[in-house]
Amino acid sequence: MSLEDETGQVNVVCTADVWNRFRRVGRTASAMVVAGRLENRDGTVGIKAGHLHPLYLKVPTRSRDFH
C-alpha cells in the first residue's frame, strides 16, 4: 500500500503474516500509524510494516482511493 501526507508519498510493504493480522486496520482506518523498518534500496525509500495502528482523528476524513 502507499501512504500519503502533505510532504509526499511512501510505499509500505506488508508481508502476508502482517496483512493477515492487521487487515481490518489496513482496509478500514481513515488514518493509521505504521510501525516498521525504514528501508532504502537503490534510492527507493519504503517501510516494511510490522504493525498497523488505527489513528483516531477528531475531524471527519475520507479516503482518496484512486482505484
PDB file of N, CA and C in Angstrom:
ATOM      1  N   MET A   1       0.842  -1.159   0.000  1.00  0.00           N
ATOM      2  CA  MET A   1       0.000   0.000   0.000  1.00  0.00           C
ATOM      3  C   MET A   1       0.887   1.220   0.000  1.00  0.00           C
ATOM      4  N   SER A   2       0.332   2.371  -0.272  1.00  0.00           N
ATOM      5  CA  SER A   2       1.095   3.606  -0.145  1.00  0.00           C
ATOM      6  C   SER A   2       0.355   4.552   0.779  1.00  0.00           C
ATOM      7  N   LEU A   3       1.131   5.280   1.560  1.00  0.00           N
ATOM      8  CA  LEU A   3       0.583   6.270   2.469  1.00  0.00           C
ATOM      9  C   LEU A   3       1.026   7.646   2.007  1.00  0.00           C
ATOM     10  N   GLU A   4       0.167   8.627   2.227  1.00  0.00           N
ATOM     11  CA  GLU A   4       0.455   9.967   1.764  1.00  0.00           C
ATOM     12  C   GLU A   4       0.121  10.977   2.853  1.00  0.00           C
ATOM     13  N   ASP A   5       0.964  11.986   2.967  1.00  0.00           N
ATOM     14  CA  ASP A   5       0.660  13.138   3.801  1.00  0.00           C
ATOM     15  C   ASP A   5       1.031  14.387   3.026  1.00  0.00           C
ATOM     16  N   GLU A   6       1.057  15.532   3.693  1.00  0.00           N
ATOM     17  CA  GLU A   6       1.311  16.777   2.976  1.00  0.00           C
ATOM     18  C   GLU A   6       2.725  16.884   2.410  1.00  0.00           C
ATOM     19  N   THR A   7       3.641  16.002   2.847  1.00  0.00           N
ATOM     20  CA  THR A   7       5.016  16.068   2.352  1.00  0.00           C
ATOM     21  C   THR A   7       5.294  15.097   1.212  1.00  0.00           C
ATOM     22  N   GLY A   8       4.404  14.152   0.980  1.00  0.00           N
ATOM     23  CA  GLY A   8       4.628  13.203  -0.108  1.00  0.00           C
ATOM     24  C   GLY A   8       4.044  11.841   0.165  1.00  0.00           C
ATOM     25  N   GLN A   9       4.578  10.859  -0.521  1.00  0.00           N
ATOM     26  CA  GLN A   9       4.044   9.504  -0.505  1.00  0.00           C
ATOM     27  C   GLN A   9       5.160   8.514  -0.185  1.00  0.00           C
ATOM     28  N   VAL A  10       4.811   7.418   0.491  1.00  0.00           N
ATOM     29  CA  VAL A  10       5.780   6.363   0.786  1.00  0.00           C
ATOM     30  C   VAL A  10       5.096   5.011   0.583  1.00  0.00           C
ATOM     31  N   ASN A  11       5.834   4.063   0.027  1.00  0.00           N
ATOM     32  CA  ASN A  11       5.320   2.704  -0.136  1.00  0.00           C
ATOM     33  C   ASN A  11       5.504   1.932   1.155  1.00  0.00           C
ATOM     34  N   VAL A  12       4.484   1.168   1.512  1.00  0.00           N
ATOM     35  CA  VAL A  12       4.512   0.328   2.704  1.00  0.00           C
ATOM     36  C   VAL A  12       4.352  -1.115   2.247  1.00  0.00           C
ATOM     37  N   VAL A  13       5.301  -1.962   2.634  1.00  0.00           N
ATOM     38  CA  VAL A  13       5.254  -3.383   2.284  1.00  0.00           C
ATOM     39  C   VAL A  13       4.784  -4.151   3.509  1.00  0.00           C
ATOM     40  N   CYS A  14       3.707  -4.915   3.327  1.00  0.00           N
ATOM     41  CA  CYS A  14       3.189  -5.787   4.384  1.00  0.00           C
ATOM     42  C   CYS A  14       3.385  -7.229   3.947  1.00  0.00           C
ATOM     43  N   THR A  15       4.072  -8.015   4.762  1.00  0.00           N
ATOM     44  CA  THR A  15       4.155  -9.445   4.468  1.00  0.00           C
ATOM     45  C   THR A  15       2.760 -10.041   4.640  1.00  0.00           C
ATOM     46  N   ALA A  16       2.551 -11.237   4.131  1.00  0.00           N
ATOM     47  CA  ALA A  16       1.246 -11.894   4.259  1.00  0.00           C
ATOM     48  C   ALA A  16       0.858 -12.045   5.724  1.00  0.00           C
ATOM     49  N   ASP A  17       1.821 -12.353   6.577  1.00  0.00           N
ATOM     50  CA  ASP A  17       1.543 -12.516   8.001  1.00  0.00           C
ATOM     51  C   ASP A  17       1.072 -11.212   8.625  1.00  0.00           C
ATOM     52  N   VAL A  18       1.778 -10.124   8.354  1.00  0.00           N
ATOM     53  CA  VAL A  18       1.390  -8.816   8.907  1.00  0.00           C
ATOM     54  C   VAL A  18       0.021  -8.410   8.371  1.00  0.00           C
ATOM     55  N   TRP A  19      -0.213  -8.580   7.073  1.00  0.00           N
ATOM     56  CA  TRP A  19      -1.505  -8.202   6.499  1.00  0.00           C
ATOM     57  C   TRP A  19      -2.630  -9.032   7.101  1.00  0.00           C
ATOM     58  N   ASN A  20      -2.426 -10.317   7.293  1.00  0.00           N
ATOM     59  CA  ASN A  20      -3.471 -11.156   7.889  1.00  0.00           C
ATOM     60  C   ASN A  20      -3.806 -10.710   9.309  1.00  0.00           C
ATOM     61  N   ARG A  21      -2.802 -10.279  10.074  1.00  0.00           N
ATOM     62  CA  ARG A  21      -3.054  -9.836  11.450  1.00  0.00           C
ATOM     63  C   ARG A  21      -3.726  -8.471  11.522  1.00  0.00           C
ATOM     64  N   PHE A  22      -3.417  -7.576  10.576  1.00  0.00           N
ATOM     65  CA  PHE A  22      -3.901  -6.195  10.671  1.00  0.00           C
ATOM     66  C   PHE A  22      -4.740  -5.766   9.475  1.00  0.00           C
ATOM     67  N   ARG A  23      -5.316  -6.730   8.788  1.00  0.00           N
ATOM     68  CA  ARG A  23      -6.120  -6.458   7.585  1.00  0.00           C
ATOM     69  C   ARG A  23      -7.233  -5.450   7.849  1.00  0.00           C
ATOM     70  N   ARG A  24      -7.945  -5.632   8.952  1.00  0.00           N
ATOM     71  CA  ARG A  24      -9.080  -4.749   9.231  1.00  0.00           C
ATOM     72  C   ARG A  24      -8.621  -3.295   9.388  1.00  0.00           C
ATOM     73  N   VAL A  25      -7.527  -3.078  10.092  1.00  0.00           N
ATOM     74  CA  VAL A  25      -6.990  -1.720  10.229  1.00  0.00           C
ATOM     75  C   VAL A  25      -6.601  -1.179   8.859  1.00  0.00           C
ATOM     76  N   GLY A  26      -5.884  -1.972   8.084  1.00  0.00           N
ATOM     77  CA  GLY A  26      -5.415  -1.539   6.776  1.00  0.00           C
ATOM     78  C   GLY A  26      -6.530  -1.204   5.808  1.00  0.00           C
ATOM     79  N   ARG A  27      -7.643  -1.894   5.929  1.00  0.00           N
ATOM     80  CA  ARG A  27      -8.743  -1.680   4.998  1.00  0.00           C
ATOM     81  C   ARG A  27      -9.769  -0.665   5.473  1.00  0.00           C
ATOM     82  N   THR A  28      -9.867  -0.426   6.774  1.00  0.00           N
ATOM     83  CA  THR A  28     -10.960   0.417   7.256  1.00  0.00           C
ATOM     84  C   THR A  28     -10.531   1.718   7.927  1.00  0.00           C
ATOM     85  N   ALA A  29      -9.296   1.823   8.396  1.00  0.00           N
ATOM     86  CA  ALA A  29      -8.883   3.031   9.115  1.00  0.00           C
ATOM     87  C   ALA A  29      -8.765   4.210   8.148  1.00  0.00           C
ATOM     88  N   SER A  30      -9.321   5.351   8.537  1.00  0.00           N
ATOM     89  CA  SER A  30      -9.172   6.542   7.699  1.00  0.00           C
ATOM     90  C   SER A  30      -7.790   7.162   7.882  1.00  0.00           C
ATOM     91  N   ALA A  31      -7.131   6.821   8.980  1.00  0.00           N
ATOM     92  CA  ALA A  31      -5.748   7.240   9.226  1.00  0.00           C
ATOM     93  C   ALA A  31      -5.096   6.144  10.063  1.00  0.00           C
ATOM     94  N   MET A  32      -3.793   5.941   9.890  1.00  0.00           N
ATOM     95  CA  MET A  32      -3.117   4.897  10.663  1.00  0.00           C
ATOM     96  C   MET A  32      -1.666   5.261  10.895  1.00  0.00           C
ATOM     97  N   VAL A  33      -1.103   4.588  11.886  1.00  0.00           N
ATOM     98  CA  VAL A  33       0.317   4.677  12.177  1.00  0.00           C
ATOM     99  C   VAL A  33       0.927   3.347  11.781  1.00  0.00           C
ATOM    100  N   VAL A  34       1.983   3.387  11.005  1.00  0.00           N
ATOM    101  CA  VAL A  34       2.672   2.173  10.586  1.00  0.00           C
ATOM    102  C   VAL A  34       3.969   2.070  11.373  1.00  0.00           C
ATOM    103  N   ALA A  35       4.110   0.993  12.131  1.00  0.00           N
ATOM    104  CA  ALA A  35       5.354   0.717  12.845  1.00  0.00           C
ATOM    105  C   ALA A  35       6.113  -0.318  12.026  1.00  0.00           C
ATOM    106  N   GLY A  36       7.368  -0.057  11.790  1.00  0.00           N
ATOM    107  CA  GLY A  36       8.149  -0.989  10.984  1.00  0.00           C
ATOM    108  C   GLY A  36       9.559  -0.499  10.802  1.00  0.00           C
ATOM    109  N   ARG A  37      10.169  -0.987   9.741  1.00  0.00           N
ATOM    110  CA  ARG A  37      11.567  -0.652   9.471  1.00  0.00           C
ATOM    111  C   ARG A  37      11.663   0.140   8.164  1.00  0.00           C
ATOM    112  N   LEU A  38      12.363   1.248   8.239  1.00  0.00           N
ATOM    113  CA  LEU A  38      12.596   2.065   7.058  1.00  0.00           C
ATOM    114  C   LEU A  38      13.687   1.409   6.224  1.00  0.00           C
ATOM    115  N   GLU A  39      13.420   1.245   4.929  1.00  0.00           N
ATOM    116  CA  GLU A  39      14.390   0.612   4.039  1.00  0.00           C
ATOM    117  C   GLU A  39      14.710   1.551   2.887  1.00  0.00           C
ATOM    118  N   ASN A  40      15.959   1.587   2.490  1.00  0.00           N
ATOM    119  CA  ASN A  40      16.408   2.397   1.365  1.00  0.00           C
ATOM    120  C   ASN A  40      17.217   1.486   0.454  1.00  0.00           C
ATOM    121  N   ARG A  41      16.621   1.115  -0.665  1.00  0.00           N
ATOM    122  CA  ARG A  41      17.297   0.237  -1.622  1.00  0.00           C
ATOM    123  C   ARG A  41      17.338   0.903  -2.978  1.00  0.00           C
ATOM    124  N   ASP A  42      18.535   1.056  -3.491  1.00  0.00           N
ATOM    125  CA  ASP A  42      18.737   1.650  -4.821  1.00  0.00           C
ATOM    126  C   ASP A  42      18.030   3.001  -4.948  1.00  0.00           C
ATOM    127  N   GLY A  43      18.044   3.790  -3.871  1.00  0.00           N
ATOM    128  CA  GLY A  43      17.439   5.113  -3.904  1.00  0.00           C
ATOM    129  C   GLY A  43      15.943   5.136  -3.679  1.00  0.00           C
ATOM    130  N   THR A  44      15.321   3.978  -3.495  1.00  0.00           N
ATOM    131  CA  THR A  44      13.895   3.908  -3.238  1.00  0.00           C
ATOM    132  C   THR A  44      13.680   3.685  -1.746  1.00  0.00           C
ATOM    133  N   VAL A  45      12.933   4.585  -1.121  1.00  0.00           N
ATOM    134  CA  VAL A  45      12.680   4.502   0.312  1.00  0.00           C
ATOM    135  C   VAL A  45      11.287   3.917   0.528  1.00  0.00           C
ATOM    136  N   GLY A  46      11.171   2.984   1.456  1.00  0.00           N
ATOM    137  CA  GLY A  46       9.895   2.383   1.797  1.00  0.00           C
ATOM    138  C   GLY A  46       9.904   1.921   3.236  1.00  0.00           C
ATOM    139  N   ILE A  47       8.773   1.447   3.694  1.00  0.00           N
ATOM    140  CA  ILE A  47       8.633   0.934   5.056  1.00  0.00           C
ATOM    141  C   ILE A  47       8.203  -0.522   4.983  1.00  0.00           C
ATOM    142  N   LYS A  48       8.916  -1.392   5.675  1.00  0.00           N
ATOM    143  CA  LYS A  48       8.487  -2.775   5.838  1.00  0.00           C
ATOM    144  C   LYS A  48       7.689  -2.820   7.135  1.00  0.00           C
ATOM    145  N   ALA A  49       6.384  -2.969   7.024  1.00  0.00           N
ATOM    146  CA  ALA A  49       5.482  -2.867   8.172  1.00  0.00           C
ATOM    147  C   ALA A  49       5.608  -4.063   9.103  1.00  0.00           C
ATOM    148  N   GLY A  50       5.516  -3.776  10.379  1.00  0.00           N
ATOM    149  CA  GLY A  50       5.469  -4.812  11.397  1.00  0.00           C
ATOM    150  C   GLY A  50       4.171  -4.764  12.183  1.00  0.00           C
ATOM    151  N   HIS A  51       3.539  -3.572  12.192  1.00  0.00           N
ATOM    152  CA  HIS A  51       2.304  -3.383  12.949  1.00  0.00           C
ATOM    153  C   HIS A  51       1.556  -2.190  12.366  1.00  0.00           C
ATOM    154  N   LEU A  52       0.244  -2.293  12.265  1.00  0.00           N
ATOM    155  CA  LEU A  52      -0.605  -1.185  11.825  1.00  0.00           C
ATOM    156  C   LEU A  52      -1.514  -0.796  12.983  1.00  0.00           C
ATOM    157  N   HIS A  53      -1.489   0.487  13.354  1.00  0.00           N
ATOM    158  CA  HIS A  53      -2.312   1.002  14.451  1.00  0.00           C
ATOM    159  C   HIS A  53      -3.317   1.989  13.874  1.00  0.00           C
ATOM    160  N   PRO A  54      -4.603   1.880  14.243  1.00  0.00           N
ATOM    161  CA  PRO A  54      -5.532   2.920  13.803  1.00  0.00           C
ATOM    162  C   PRO A  54      -5.201   4.233  14.498  1.00  0.00           C
ATOM    163  N   LEU A  55      -5.393   5.327  13.790  1.00  0.00           N
ATOM    164  CA  LEU A  55      -5.181   6.651  14.348  1.00  0.00           C
ATOM    165  C   LEU A  55      -6.537   7.337  14.342  1.00  0.00           C
ATOM    166  N   TYR A  56      -7.043   7.633  15.513  1.00  0.00           N
ATOM    167  CA  TYR A  56      -8.371   8.230  15.639  1.00  0.00           C
ATOM    168  C   TYR A  56      -8.255   9.743  15.594  1.00  0.00           C
ATOM    169  N   LEU A  57      -8.912  10.339  14.626  1.00  0.00           N
ATOM    170  CA  LEU A  57      -8.851  11.779  14.409  1.00  0.00           C
ATOM    171  C   LEU A  57     -10.129  12.431  14.909  1.00  0.00           C
ATOM    172  N   LYS A  58     -10.005  13.658  15.349  1.00  0.00           N
ATOM    173  CA  LYS A  58     -11.163  14.386  15.851  1.00  0.00           C
ATOM    174  C   LYS A  58     -11.890  15.150  14.749  1.00  0.00           C
ATOM    175  N   VAL A  59     -11.395  15.058  13.535  1.00  0.00           N
ATOM    176  CA  VAL A  59     -12.035  15.712  12.399  1.00  0.00           C
ATOM    177  C   VAL A  59     -12.468  14.636  11.405  1.00  0.00           C
ATOM    178  N   PRO A  60     -13.566  14.849  10.712  1.00  0.00           N
ATOM    179  CA  PRO A  60     -14.008  13.846   9.722  1.00  0.00           C
ATOM    180  C   PRO A  60     -13.043  13.778   8.537  1.00  0.00           C
ATOM    181  N   THR A  61     -12.791  12.572   8.036  1.00  0.00           N
ATOM    182  CA  THR A  61     -11.909  12.371   6.888  1.00  0.00           C
ATOM    183  C   THR A  61     -12.542  11.377   5.933  1.00  0.00           C
ATOM    184  N   ARG A  62     -12.049  11.422   4.709  1.00  0.00           N
ATOM    185  CA  ARG A  62     -12.451  10.423   3.704  1.00  0.00           C
ATOM    186  C   ARG A  62     -11.205   9.986   2.969  1.00  0.00           C
ATOM    187  N   SER A  63     -11.135   8.696   2.670  1.00  0.00           N
ATOM    188  CA  SER A  63     -10.007   8.163   1.924  1.00  0.00           C
ATOM    189  C   SER A  63     -10.076   8.633   0.480  1.00  0.00           C
ATOM    190  N   ARG A  64      -8.908   8.877  -0.100  1.00  0.00           N
ATOM    191  CA  ARG A  64      -8.851   9.216  -1.525  1.00  0.00           C
ATOM    192  C   ARG A  64      -8.299   7.996  -2.252  1.00  0.00           C
ATOM    193  N   ASP A  65      -9.130   7.002  -2.452  1.00  0.00           N
ATOM    194  CA  ASP A  65      -8.742   5.771  -3.115  1.00  0.00           C
ATOM    195  C   ASP A  65      -8.962   5.937  -4.614  1.00  0.00           C
ATOM    196  N   PHE A  66      -7.888   5.943  -5.378  1.00  0.00           N
ATOM    197  CA  PHE A  66      -7.968   6.242  -6.795  1.00  0.00           C
ATOM    198  C   PHE A  66      -8.120   5.012  -7.686  1.00  0.00           C
ATOM    199  N   HIS A  67      -8.583   3.896  -7.148  1.00  0.00           N
ATOM    200  CA  HIS A  67      -8.737   2.691  -7.976  1.00  0.00           C
ATOM    201  C   HIS A  67      -9.862   2.848  -8.946  1.00  0.00           C
TER     202      HIS A  67
END
